Amino acid sequence: MMEEERDRMVAEMSGKIESLQFLLKVVIATLPEDHRTYILRRLSEFSRSTEDELARKDTDPARDSAAAVFDTNEYFDIRVEEEVEIFTDRDETYTQCERTSATHFPSDTGAAP
């Protein structure tokens, strides 16, 4: 029973982490390019500092932590740019739809169409 509950908790935590990664990826992708660059640069610096910490500690938990940080850094480096493309495409589509609906369905301003 305890192992089953532990496995369930690990699965829940994994799902929450994946959801947060997705949310952060989307939020970062919607920021201006200079903000995205800053965030990704800081994440890279954090990854390097974790590697430095690993060199000082040289323990299995430190290696696991450094590997997780490195993987997260790689994930965001790749996925944020992919999400920027998705956001750009969807934003253009949304803007085009918004323009079309404004032309076809003018707002109720009291003025005659």
PDB file of N, CA and C in Angstrom:
ATOM      1  N   MET A   1       0.823  -1.196   0.000  1.00  0.00           N
ATOM      2  CA  MET A   1       0.000   0.000   0.000  1.00  0.00           C
ATOM      3  C   MET A   1       0.869   1.262   0.000  1.00  0.00           C
ATOM      4  N   MET A   2       1.933   1.281   0.773  1.00  0.00           N
ATOM      5  CA  MET A   2       2.774   2.463   0.837  1.00  0.00           C
ATOM      6  C   MET A   2       3.478   2.731  -0.489  1.00  0.00           C
ATOM      7  N   GLU A   3       3.933   1.682  -1.138  1.00  0.00           N
ATOM      8  CA  GLU A   3       4.608   1.858  -2.413  1.00  0.00           C
ATOM      9  C   GLU A   3       3.633   2.376  -3.470  1.00  0.00           C
ATOM     10  N   GLU A   4       2.399   1.890  -3.421  1.00  0.00           N
ATOM     11  CA  GLU A   4       1.375   2.350  -4.357  1.00  0.00           C
ATOM     12  C   GLU A   4       1.083   3.834  -4.152  1.00  0.00           C
ATOM     13  N   GLU A   5       1.000   4.240  -2.900  1.00  0.00           N
ATOM     14  CA  GLU A   5       0.740   5.659  -2.607  1.00  0.00           C
ATOM     15  C   GLU A   5       1.925   6.522  -3.015  1.00  0.00           C
ATOM     16  N   ARG A   6       3.132   6.021  -2.791  1.00  0.00           N
ATOM     17  CA  ARG A   6       4.338   6.750  -3.187  1.00  0.00           C
ATOM     18  C   ARG A   6       4.365   6.916  -4.711  1.00  0.00           C
ATOM     19  N   ASP A   7       4.039   5.850  -5.441  1.00  0.00           N
ATOM     20  CA  ASP A   7       4.008   5.925  -6.906  1.00  0.00           C
ATOM     21  C   ASP A   7       2.962   6.932  -7.391  1.00  0.00           C
ATOM     22  N   ARG A   8       1.817   6.959  -6.714  1.00  0.00           N
ATOM     23  CA  ARG A   8       0.763   7.909  -7.071  1.00  0.00           C
ATOM     24  C   ARG A   8       1.242   9.338  -6.836  1.00  0.00           C
ATOM     25  N   MET A   9       1.908   9.567  -5.703  1.00  0.00           N
ATOM     26  CA  MET A   9       2.413  10.909  -5.388  1.00  0.00           C
ATOM     27  C   MET A   9       3.482  11.340  -6.393  1.00  0.00           C
ATOM     28  N   VAL A  10       4.352  10.424  -6.787  1.00  0.00           N
ATOM     29  CA  VAL A  10       5.389  10.731  -7.776  1.00  0.00           C
ATOM     30  C   VAL A  10       4.730  11.090  -9.111  1.00  0.00           C
ATOM     31  N   ALA A  11       3.719  10.330  -9.503  1.00  0.00           N
ATOM     32  CA  ALA A  11       3.013  10.608 -10.755  1.00  0.00           C
ATOM     33  C   ALA A  11       2.318  11.971 -10.698  1.00  0.00           C
ATOM     34  N   GLU A  12       1.709  12.283  -9.563  1.00  0.00           N
ATOM     35  CA  GLU A  12       1.054  13.593  -9.406  1.00  0.00           C
ATOM     36  C   GLU A  12       2.076  14.721  -9.499  1.00  0.00           C
ATOM     37  N   MET A  13       3.197  14.570  -8.804  1.00  0.00           N
ATOM     38  CA  MET A  13       4.238  15.603  -8.841  1.00  0.00           C
ATOM     39  C   MET A  13       4.790  15.766 -10.253  1.00  0.00           C
ATOM     40  N   SER A  14       4.980  14.664 -10.935  1.00  0.00           N
ATOM     41  CA  SER A  14       5.475  14.714 -12.305  1.00  0.00           C
ATOM     42  C   SER A  14       4.491  15.463 -13.206  1.00  0.00           C
ATOM     43  N   GLY A  15       3.206  15.175 -13.057  1.00  0.00           N
ATOM     44  CA  GLY A  15       2.187  15.864 -13.837  1.00  0.00           C
ATOM     45  C   GLY A  15       2.137  17.348 -13.535  1.00  0.00           C
ATOM     46  N   LYS A  16       2.283  17.697 -12.270  1.00  0.00           N
ATOM     47  CA  LYS A  16       2.286  19.111 -11.891  1.00  0.00           C
ATOM     48  C   LYS A  16       3.512  19.829 -12.462  1.00  0.00           C
ATOM     49  N   ILE A  17       4.650  19.180 -12.411  1.00  0.00           N
ATOM     50  CA  ILE A  17       5.874  19.779 -12.962  1.00  0.00           C
ATOM     51  C   ILE A  17       5.732  19.980 -14.459  1.00  0.00           C
ATOM     52  N   GLU A  18       5.208  18.974 -15.157  1.00  0.00           N
ATOM     53  CA  GLU A  18       5.007  19.106 -16.609  1.00  0.00           C
ATOM     54  C   GLU A  18       4.041  20.246 -16.925  1.00  0.00           C
ATOM     55  N   SER A  19       2.978  20.365 -16.123  1.00  0.00           N
ATOM     56  CA  SER A  19       2.015  21.451 -16.333  1.00  0.00           C
ATOM     57  C   SER A  19       2.666  22.809 -16.109  1.00  0.00           C
ATOM     58  N   LEU A  20       3.469  22.929 -15.068  1.00  0.00           N
ATOM     59  CA  LEU A  20       4.151  24.186 -14.794  1.00  0.00           C
ATOM     60  C   LEU A  20       5.175  24.519 -15.877  1.00  0.00           C
ATOM     61  N   GLN A  21       5.881  23.504 -16.366  1.00  0.00           N
ATOM     62  CA  GLN A  21       6.818  23.746 -17.460  1.00  0.00           C
ATOM     63  C   GLN A  21       6.072  24.268 -18.687  1.00  0.00           C
ATOM     64  N   PHE A  22       4.940  23.655 -18.990  1.00  0.00           N
ATOM     65  CA  PHE A  22       4.154  24.095 -20.136  1.00  0.00           C
ATOM     66  C   PHE A  22       3.697  25.536 -19.944  1.00  0.00           C
ATOM     67  N   LEU A  23       3.164  25.834 -18.772  1.00  0.00           N
ATOM     68  CA  LEU A  23       2.685  27.180 -18.488  1.00  0.00           C
ATOM     69  C   LEU A  23       3.822  28.198 -18.592  1.00  0.00           C
ATOM     70  N   LEU A  24       4.967  27.898 -17.999  1.00  0.00           N
ATOM     71  CA  LEU A  24       6.103  28.813 -18.082  1.00  0.00           C
ATOM     72  C   LEU A  24       6.563  29.005 -19.518  1.00  0.00           C
ATOM     73  N   LYS A  25       6.576  27.927 -20.281  1.00  0.00           N
ATOM     74  CA  LYS A  25       6.980  28.003 -21.687  1.00  0.00           C
ATOM     75  C   LYS A  25       6.060  28.954 -22.440  1.00  0.00           C
ATOM     76  N   VAL A  26       4.762  28.849 -22.210  1.00  0.00           N
ATOM     77  CA  VAL A  26       3.797  29.706 -22.899  1.00  0.00           C
ATOM     78  C   VAL A  26       3.954  31.162 -22.446  1.00  0.00           C
ATOM     79  N   VAL A  27       4.088  31.362 -21.141  1.00  0.00           N
ATOM     80  CA  VAL A  27       4.237  32.726 -20.621  1.00  0.00           C
ATOM     81  C   VAL A  27       5.511  33.365 -21.163  1.00  0.00           C
ATOM     82  N   ILE A  28       6.614  32.639 -21.119  1.00  0.00           N
ATOM     83  CA  ILE A  28       7.880  33.187 -21.617  1.00  0.00           C
ATOM     84  C   ILE A  28       7.777  33.505 -23.106  1.00  0.00           C
ATOM     85  N   ALA A  29       7.116  32.641 -23.852  1.00  0.00           N
ATOM     86  CA  ALA A  29       6.993  32.844 -25.300  1.00  0.00           C
ATOM     87  C   ALA A  29       6.203  34.097 -25.647  1.00  0.00           C
ATOM     88  N   THR A  30       5.309  34.524 -24.769  1.00  0.00           N
ATOM     89  CA  THR A  30       4.492  35.705 -25.052  1.00  0.00           C
ATOM     90  C   THR A  30       5.186  37.004 -24.653  1.00  0.00           C
ATOM     91  N   LEU A  31       6.342  36.901 -24.026  1.00  0.00           N
ATOM     92  CA  LEU A  31       7.084  38.100 -23.626  1.00  0.00           C
ATOM     93  C   LEU A  31       7.859  38.670 -24.804  1.00  0.00           C
ATOM     94  N   PRO A  32       8.232  39.949 -24.709  1.00  0.00           N
ATOM     95  CA  PRO A  32       9.086  40.536 -25.754  1.00  0.00           C
ATOM     96  C   PRO A  32      10.422  39.773 -25.832  1.00  0.00           C
ATOM     97  N   GLU A  33      11.047  39.827 -26.979  1.00  0.00           N
ATOM     98  CA  GLU A  33      12.264  39.044 -27.215  1.00  0.00           C
ATOM     99  C   GLU A  33      13.367  39.342 -26.204  1.00  0.00           C
ATOM    100  N   ASP A  34      13.568  40.595 -25.827  1.00  0.00           N
ATOM    101  CA  ASP A  34      14.632  40.911 -24.873  1.00  0.00           C
ATOM    102  C   ASP A  34      14.362  40.288 -23.500  1.00  0.00           C
ATOM    103  N   HIS A  35      13.093  40.197 -23.112  1.00  0.00           N
ATOM    104  CA  HIS A  35      12.753  39.539 -21.851  1.00  0.00           C
ATOM    105  C   HIS A  35      13.002  38.031 -21.940  1.00  0.00           C
ATOM    106  N   ARG A  36      12.607  37.441 -23.069  1.00  0.00           N
ATOM    107  CA  ARG A  36      12.848  35.999 -23.267  1.00  0.00           C
ATOM    108  C   ARG A  36      14.340  35.701 -23.206  1.00  0.00           C
ATOM    109  N   THR A  37      15.115  36.529 -23.889  1.00  0.00           N
ATOM    110  CA  THR A  37      16.567  36.331 -23.911  1.00  0.00           C
ATOM    111  C   THR A  37      17.140  36.414 -22.508  1.00  0.00           C
ATOM    112  N   TYR A  38      16.700  37.396 -21.740  1.00  0.00           N
ATOM    113  CA  TYR A  38      17.183  37.550 -20.369  1.00  0.00           C
ATOM    114  C   TYR A  38      16.847  36.316 -19.520  1.00  0.00           C
ATOM    115  N   ILE A  39      15.618  35.859 -19.606  1.00  0.00           N
ATOM    116  CA  ILE A  39      15.186  34.705 -18.815  1.00  0.00           C
ATOM    117  C   ILE A  39      16.004  33.468 -19.179  1.00  0.00           C
ATOM    118  N   LEU A  40      16.162  33.210 -20.461  1.00  0.00           N
ATOM    119  CA  LEU A  40      16.914  32.026 -20.884  1.00  0.00           C
ATOM    120  C   LEU A  40      18.392  32.141 -20.526  1.00  0.00           C
ATOM    121  N   ARG A  41      18.934  33.355 -20.597  1.00  0.00           N
ATOM    122  CA  ARG A  41      20.330  33.564 -20.199  1.00  0.00           C
ATOM    123  C   ARG A  41      20.498  33.294 -18.706  1.00  0.00           C
ATOM    124  N   ARG A  42      19.568  33.798 -17.899  1.00  0.00           N
ATOM    125  CA  ARG A  42      19.649  33.570 -16.445  1.00  0.00           C
ATOM    126  C   ARG A  42      19.497  32.088 -16.101  1.00  0.00           C
ATOM    127  N   LEU A  43      18.636  31.398 -16.825  1.00  0.00           N
ATOM    128  CA  LEU A  43      18.477  29.961 -16.599  1.00  0.00           C
ATOM    129  C   LEU A  43      19.773  29.228 -16.932  1.00  0.00           C
ATOM    130  N   SER A  44      20.431  29.644 -17.994  1.00  0.00           N
ATOM    131  CA  SER A  44      21.708  29.052 -18.371  1.00  0.00           C
ATOM    132  C   SER A  44      22.768  29.318 -17.300  1.00  0.00           C
ATOM    133  N   GLU A  45      22.787  30.528 -16.768  1.00  0.00           N
ATOM    134  CA  GLU A  45      23.724  30.863 -15.686  1.00  0.00           C
ATOM    135  C   GLU A  45      23.451  30.007 -14.453  1.00  0.00           C
ATOM    136  N   PHE A  46      22.181  29.804 -14.155  1.00  0.00           N
ATOM    137  CA  PHE A  46      21.806  28.961 -13.018  1.00  0.00           C
ATOM    138  C   PHE A  46      22.297  27.531 -13.240  1.00  0.00           C
ATOM    139  N   SER A  47      22.166  27.047 -14.452  1.00  0.00           N
ATOM    140  CA  SER A  47      22.627  25.696 -14.782  1.00  0.00           C
ATOM    141  C   SER A  47      24.136  25.584 -14.562  1.00  0.00           C
ATOM    142  N   ARG A  48      24.870  26.602 -15.010  1.00  0.00           N
ATOM    143  CA  ARG A  48      26.328  26.584 -14.811  1.00  0.00           C
ATOM    144  C   ARG A  48      26.684  26.637 -13.330  1.00  0.00           C
ATOM    145  N   SER A  49      25.963  27.445 -12.556  1.00  0.00           N
ATOM    146  CA  SER A  49      26.272  27.519 -11.122  1.00  0.00           C
ATOM    147  C   SER A  49      25.966  26.196 -10.429  1.00  0.00           C
ATOM    148  N   THR A  50      24.957  25.483 -10.913  1.00  0.00           N
ATOM    149  CA  THR A  50      24.644  24.162 -10.365  1.00  0.00           C
ATOM    150  C   THR A  50      25.770  23.181 -10.683  1.00  0.00           C
ATOM    151  N   GLU A  51      26.327  23.296 -11.888  1.00  0.00           N
ATOM    152  CA  GLU A  51      27.473  22.455 -12.245  1.00  0.00           C
ATOM    153  C   GLU A  51      28.679  22.770 -11.362  1.00  0.00           C
ATOM    154  N   ASP A  52      28.894  24.061 -11.051  1.00  0.00           N
ATOM    155  CA  ASP A  52      29.987  24.447 -10.158  1.00  0.00           C
ATOM    156  C   ASP A  52      29.778  23.857  -8.769  1.00  0.00           C
ATOM    157  N   GLU A  53      28.531  23.888  -8.320  1.00  0.00           N
ATOM    158  CA  GLU A  53      28.189  23.309  -7.017  1.00  0.00           C
ATOM    159  C   GLU A  53      28.459  21.806  -7.017  1.00  0.00           C
ATOM    160  N   LEU A  54      28.134  21.158  -8.120  1.00  0.00           N
ATOM    161  CA  LEU A  54      28.396  19.722  -8.258  1.00  0.00           C
ATOM    162  C   LEU A  54      29.884  19.444  -8.138  1.00  0.00           C
ATOM    163  N   ALA A  55      30.704  20.272  -8.770  1.00  0.00           N
ATOM    164  CA  ALA A  55      32.152  20.071  -8.704  1.00  0.00           C
ATOM    165  C   ALA A  55      32.665  20.173  -7.274  1.00  0.00           C
ATOM    166  N   ARG A  56      32.047  21.046  -6.479  1.00  0.00           N
ATOM    167  CA  ARG A  56      32.465  21.186  -5.079  1.00  0.00           C
ATOM    168  C   ARG A  56      31.967  20.026  -4.227  1.00  0.00           C
ATOM    169  N   LYS A  57      30.740  19.587  -4.438  1.00  0.00           N
ATOM    170  CA  LYS A  57      30.150  18.545  -3.589  1.00  0.00           C
ATOM    171  C   LYS A  57      30.485  17.139  -4.058  1.00  0.00           C
ATOM    172  N   ASP A  58      30.378  16.903  -5.358  1.00  0.00           N
ATOM    173  CA  ASP A  58      30.638  15.602  -5.961  1.00  0.00           C
ATOM    174  C   ASP A  58      29.905  14.460  -5.239  1.00  0.00           C
ATOM    175  N   THR A  59      28.570  14.595  -5.138  1.00  0.00           N
ATOM    176  CA  THR A  59      27.735  13.555  -4.531  1.00  0.00           C
ATOM    177  C   THR A  59      26.648  13.155  -5.528  1.00  0.00           C
ATOM    178  N   ASP A  60      26.059  12.005  -5.302  1.00  0.00           N
ATOM    179  CA  ASP A  60      24.977  11.560  -6.188  1.00  0.00           C
ATOM    180  C   ASP A  60      23.806  12.539  -6.205  1.00  0.00           C
ATOM    181  N   PRO A  61      23.326  13.022  -5.038  1.00  0.00           N
ATOM    182  CA  PRO A  61      22.219  13.999  -5.090  1.00  0.00           C
ATOM    183  C   PRO A  61      22.598  15.274  -5.854  1.00  0.00           C
ATOM    184  N   ALA A  62      23.821  15.737  -5.713  1.00  0.00           N
ATOM    185  CA  ALA A  62      24.257  16.936  -6.443  1.00  0.00           C
ATOM    186  C   ALA A  62      24.288  16.654  -7.942  1.00  0.00           C
ATOM    187  N   ARG A  63      24.737  15.450  -8.333  1.00  0.00           N
ATOM    188  CA  ARG A  63      24.731  15.074  -9.751  1.00  0.00           C
ATOM    189  C   ARG A  63      23.308  15.017 -10.290  1.00  0.00           C
ATOM    190  N   ASP A  64      22.400  14.428  -9.510  1.00  0.00           N
ATOM    191  CA  ASP A  64      20.998  14.348  -9.930  1.00  0.00           C
ATOM    192  C   ASP A  64      20.389  15.734 -10.088  1.00  0.00           C
ATOM    193  N   SER A  65      20.682  16.608  -9.138  1.00  0.00           N
ATOM    194  CA  SER A  65      20.157  17.969  -9.187  1.00  0.00           C
ATOM    195  C   SER A  65      20.722  18.718 -10.399  1.00  0.00           C
ATOM    196  N   ALA A  66      22.018  18.607 -10.616  1.00  0.00           N
ATOM    197  CA  ALA A  66      22.645  19.288 -11.754  1.00  0.00           C
ATOM    198  C   ALA A  66      22.082  18.762 -13.072  1.00  0.00           C
ATOM    199  N   ALA A  67      21.852  17.466 -13.154  1.00  0.00           N
ATOM    200  CA  ALA A  67      21.290  16.879 -14.374  1.00  0.00           C
ATOM    201  C   ALA A  67      19.874  17.391 -14.612  1.00  0.00           C
ATOM    202  N   ALA A  68      19.092  17.505 -13.546  1.00  0.00           N
ATOM    203  CA  ALA A  68      17.718  18.004 -13.678  1.00  0.00           C
ATOM    204  C   ALA A  68      17.712  19.461 -14.123  1.00  0.00           C
ATOM    205  N   VAL A  69      18.576  20.268 -13.558  1.00  0.00           N
ATOM    206  CA  VAL A  69      18.666  21.678 -13.950  1.00  0.00           C
ATOM    207  C   VAL A  69      19.113  21.788 -15.405  1.00  0.00           C
ATOM    208  N   PHE A  70      20.098  20.997 -15.792  1.00  0.00           N
ATOM    209  CA  PHE A  70      20.573  21.015 -17.176  1.00  0.00           C
ATOM    210  C   PHE A  70      19.439  20.629 -18.129  1.00  0.00           C
ATOM    211  N   ASP A  71      18.714  19.560 -17.797  1.00  0.00           N
ATOM    212  CA  ASP A  71      17.595  19.122 -18.634  1.00  0.00           C
ATOM    213  C   ASP A  71      16.523  20.195 -18.753  1.00  0.00           C
ATOM    214  N   THR A  72      16.228  20.867 -17.641  1.00  0.00           N
ATOM    215  CA  THR A  72      15.226  21.937 -17.653  1.00  0.00           C
ATOM    216  C   THR A  72      15.697  23.094 -18.521  1.00  0.00           C
ATOM    217  N   ASN A  73      16.960  23.446 -18.401  1.00  0.00           N
ATOM    218  CA  ASN A  73      17.531  24.508 -19.217  1.00  0.00           C
ATOM    219  C   ASN A  73      17.414  24.152 -20.702  1.00  0.00           C
ATOM    220  N   GLU A  74      17.783  22.938 -21.062  1.00  0.00           N
ATOM    221  CA  GLU A  74      17.681  22.491 -22.457  1.00  0.00           C
ATOM    222  C   GLU A  74      16.233  22.514 -22.928  1.00  0.00           C
ATOM    223  N   TYR A  75      15.327  22.056 -22.074  1.00  0.00           N
ATOM    224  CA  TYR A  75      13.900  22.036 -22.403  1.00  0.00           C
ATOM    225  C   TYR A  75      13.426  23.436 -22.780  1.00  0.00           C
ATOM    226  N   PHE A  76      13.721  24.413 -21.931  1.00  0.00           N
ATOM    227  CA  PHE A  76      13.251  25.772 -22.195  1.00  0.00           C
ATOM    228  C   PHE A  76      13.959  26.401 -23.392  1.00  0.00           C
ATOM    229  N   ASP A  77      15.252  26.125 -23.561  1.00  0.00           N
ATOM    230  CA  ASP A  77      15.957  26.656 -24.733  1.00  0.00           C
ATOM    231  C   ASP A  77      15.266  26.235 -26.028  1.00  0.00           C
ATOM    232  N   ILE A  78      14.861  24.999 -26.086  1.00  0.00           N
ATOM    233  CA  ILE A  78      14.240  24.470 -27.305  1.00  0.00           C
ATOM    234  C   ILE A  78      12.761  24.829 -27.373  1.00  0.00           C
ATOM    235  N   ARG A  79      12.040  24.567 -26.316  1.00  0.00           N
ATOM    236  CA  ARG A  79      10.582  24.675 -26.345  1.00  0.00           C
ATOM    237  C   ARG A  79      10.067  26.105 -26.390  1.00  0.00           C
ATOM    238  N   VAL A  80      10.780  27.044 -25.803  1.00  0.00           N
ATOM    239  CA  VAL A  80      10.303  28.432 -25.834  1.00  0.00           C
ATOM    240  C   VAL A  80      10.285  28.941 -27.270  1.00  0.00           C
ATOM    241  N   GLU A  81      11.327  28.658 -28.025  1.00  0.00           N
ATOM    242  CA  GLU A  81      11.361  29.116 -29.414  1.00  0.00           C
ATOM    243  C   GLU A  81      10.248  28.462 -30.234  1.00  0.00           C
ATOM    244  N   GLU A  82       9.977  27.188 -29.974  1.00  0.00           N
ATOM    245  CA  GLU A  82       8.866  26.526 -30.659  1.00  0.00           C
ATOM    246  C   GLU A  82       7.544  27.204 -30.301  1.00  0.00           C
ATOM    247  N   GLU A  83       7.385  27.537 -29.033  1.00  0.00           N
ATOM    248  CA  GLU A  83       6.147  28.163 -28.577  1.00  0.00           C
ATOM    249  C   GLU A  83       6.014  29.578 -29.127  1.00  0.00           C
ATOM    250  N   VAL A  84       7.119  30.282 -29.313  1.00  0.00           N
ATOM    251  CA  VAL A  84       7.081  31.621 -29.924  1.00  0.00           C
ATOM    252  C   VAL A  84       6.481  31.520 -31.318  1.00  0.00           C
ATOM    253  N   GLU A  85       6.905  30.519 -32.075  1.00  0.00           N
ATOM    254  CA  GLU A  85       6.365  30.331 -33.418  1.00  0.00           C
ATOM    255  C   GLU A  85       4.867  30.041 -33.375  1.00  0.00           C
ATOM    256  N   ILE A  86       4.460  29.185 -32.447  1.00  0.00           N
ATOM    257  CA  ILE A  86       3.038  28.863 -32.302  1.00  0.00           C
ATOM    258  C   ILE A  86       2.260  30.117 -31.922  1.00  0.00           C
ATOM    259  N   PHE A  87       2.779  30.872 -30.955  1.00  0.00           N
ATOM    260  CA  PHE A  87       2.116  32.091 -30.497  1.00  0.00           C
ATOM    261  C   PHE A  87       1.998  33.100 -31.631  1.00  0.00           C
ATOM    262  N   THR A  88       3.075  33.259 -32.386  1.00  0.00           N
ATOM    263  CA  THR A  88       3.071  34.214 -33.495  1.00  0.00           C
ATOM    264  C   THR A  88       2.022  33.827 -34.528  1.00  0.00           C
ATOM    265  N   ASP A  89       1.991  32.535 -34.885  1.00  0.00           N
ATOM    266  CA  ASP A  89       0.994  32.067 -35.856  1.00  0.00           C
ATOM    267  C   ASP A  89      -0.418  32.285 -35.344  1.00  0.00           C
ATOM    268  N   ARG A  90      -0.663  31.923 -34.102  1.00  0.00           N
ATOM    269  CA  ARG A  90      -2.013  32.060 -33.542  1.00  0.00           C
ATOM    270  C   ARG A  90      -2.386  33.516 -33.347  1.00  0.00           C
ATOM    271  N   ASP A  91      -1.430  34.348 -32.962  1.00  0.00           N
ATOM    272  CA  ASP A  91      -1.709  35.767 -32.769  1.00  0.00           C
ATOM    273  C   ASP A  91      -2.086  36.406 -34.107  1.00  0.00           C
ATOM    274  N   GLU A  92      -1.371  36.035 -35.180  1.00  0.00           N
ATOM    275  CA  GLU A  92      -1.705  36.572 -36.503  1.00  0.00           C
ATOM    276  C   GLU A  92      -3.099  36.114 -36.921  1.00  0.00           C
ATOM    277  N   THR A  93      -3.420  34.849 -36.679  1.00  0.00           N
ATOM    278  CA  THR A  93      -4.745  34.325 -37.012  1.00  0.00           C
ATOM    279  C   THR A  93      -5.810  35.040 -36.203  1.00  0.00           C
ATOM    280  N   TYR A  94      -5.567  35.230 -34.917  1.00  0.00           N
ATOM    281  CA  TYR A  94      -6.529  35.914 -34.055  1.00  0.00           C
ATOM    282  C   TYR A  94      -6.734  37.355 -34.522  1.00  0.00           C
ATOM    283  N   THR A  95      -5.627  38.022 -34.844  1.00  0.00           N
ATOM    284  CA  THR A  95      -5.717  39.412 -35.292  1.00  0.00           C
ATOM    285  C   THR A  95      -6.497  39.512 -36.593  1.00  0.00           C
ATOM    286  N   GLN A  96      -6.268  38.583 -37.518  1.00  0.00           N
ATOM    287  CA  GLN A  96      -7.011  38.582 -38.778  1.00  0.00           C
ATOM    288  C   GLN A  96      -8.495  38.342 -38.526  1.00  0.00           C
ATOM    289  N   CYS A  97      -8.824  37.403 -37.639  1.00  0.00           N
ATOM    290  CA  CYS A  97     -10.232  37.123 -37.317  1.00  0.00           C
ATOM    291  C   CYS A  97     -10.872  38.334 -36.653  1.00  0.00           C
ATOM    292  N   GLU A  98     -10.118  38.998 -35.795  1.00  0.00           N
ATOM    293  CA  GLU A  98     -10.627  40.174 -35.093  1.00  0.00           C
ATOM    294  C   GLU A  98     -10.949  41.286 -36.095  1.00  0.00           C
ATOM    295  N   ARG A  99     -10.051  41.482 -37.066  1.00  0.00           N
ATOM    296  CA  ARG A  99     -10.288  42.501 -38.092  1.00  0.00           C
ATOM    297  C   ARG A  99     -11.510  42.153 -38.924  1.00  0.00           C
ATOM    298  N   THR A 100     -11.634  40.889 -39.296  1.00  0.00           N
ATOM    299  CA  THR A 100     -12.766  40.446 -40.108  1.00  0.00           C
ATOM    300  C   THR A 100     -14.070  40.636 -39.358  1.00  0.00           C
ATOM    301  N   SER A 101     -14.102  40.244 -38.097  1.00  0.00           N
ATOM    302  CA  SER A 101     -15.353  40.369 -37.341  1.00  0.00           C
ATOM    303  C   SER A 101     -15.692  41.836 -37.098  1.00  0.00           C
ATOM    304  N   ALA A 102     -14.694  42.692 -36.954  1.00  0.00           N
ATOM    305  CA  ALA A 102     -14.959  44.118 -36.766  1.00  0.00           C
ATOM    306  C   ALA A 102     -15.557  44.724 -38.028  1.00  0.00           C
ATOM    307  N   THR A 103     -15.151  44.220 -39.178  1.00  0.00           N
ATOM    308  CA  THR A 103     -15.681  44.728 -40.441  1.00  0.00           C
ATOM    309  C   THR A 103     -17.100  44.232 -40.675  1.00  0.00           C
ATOM    310  N   HIS A 104     -17.320  42.956 -40.361  1.00  0.00           N
ATOM    311  CA  HIS A 104     -18.623  42.357 -40.609  1.00  0.00           C
ATOM    312  C   HIS A 104     -19.633  42.622 -39.497  1.00  0.00           C
ATOM    313  N   PHE A 105     -19.134  42.802 -38.294  1.00  0.00           N
ATOM    314  CA  PHE A 105     -20.013  43.018 -37.152  1.00  0.00           C
ATOM    315  C   PHE A 105     -19.549  44.251 -36.397  1.00  0.00           C
ATOM    316  N   PRO A 106     -19.849  45.447 -36.894  1.00  0.00           N
ATOM    317  CA  PRO A 106     -19.402  46.660 -36.218  1.00  0.00           C
ATOM    318  C   PRO A 106     -19.955  46.720 -34.794  1.00  0.00           C
ATOM    319  N   SER A 107     -19.193  47.330 -33.928  1.00  0.00           N
ATOM    320  CA  SER A 107     -19.653  47.432 -32.539  1.00  0.00           C
ATOM    321  C   SER A 107     -20.861  48.355 -32.457  1.00  0.00           C
ATOM    322  N   ASP A 108     -21.602  48.202 -31.404  1.00  0.00           N
ATOM    323  CA  ASP A 108     -22.831  48.982 -31.221  1.00  0.00           C
ATOM    324  C   ASP A 108     -22.467  50.342 -30.648  1.00  0.00           C
ATOM    325  N   THR A 109     -22.117  51.285 -31.524  1.00  0.00           N
ATOM    326  CA  THR A 109     -21.735  52.629 -31.082  1.00  0.00           C
ATOM    327  C   THR A 109     -22.862  53.621 -31.258  1.00  0.00           C
ATOM    328  N   GLY A 110     -23.946  53.168 -31.806  1.00  0.00           N
ATOM    329  CA  GLY A 110     -25.067  54.068 -32.041  1.00  0.00           C
ATOM    330  C   GLY A 110     -25.014  54.707 -33.425  1.00  0.00           C
ATOM    331  N   ALA A 111     -23.873  54.563 -34.089  1.00  0.00           N
ATOM    332  CA  ALA A 111     -23.726  55.134 -35.434  1.00  0.00           C
ATOM    333  C   ALA A 111     -24.295  54.145 -36.445  1.00  0.00           C
ATOM    334  N   ALA A 112     -24.799  54.684 -37.503  1.00  0.00           N
ATOM    335  CA  ALA A 112     -25.328  53.832 -38.569  1.00  0.00           C
ATOM    336  C   ALA A 112     -24.165  53.173 -39.292  1.00  0.00           C
ATOM    337  N   PRO A 113     -24.313  51.896 -39.694  1.00  0.00           N
ATOM    338  CA  PRO A 113     -23.227  51.206 -40.400  1.00  0.00           C
ATOM    339  C   PRO A 113     -22.978  51.781 -41.776  1.00  0.00           C
TER     340      PRO A 113
END
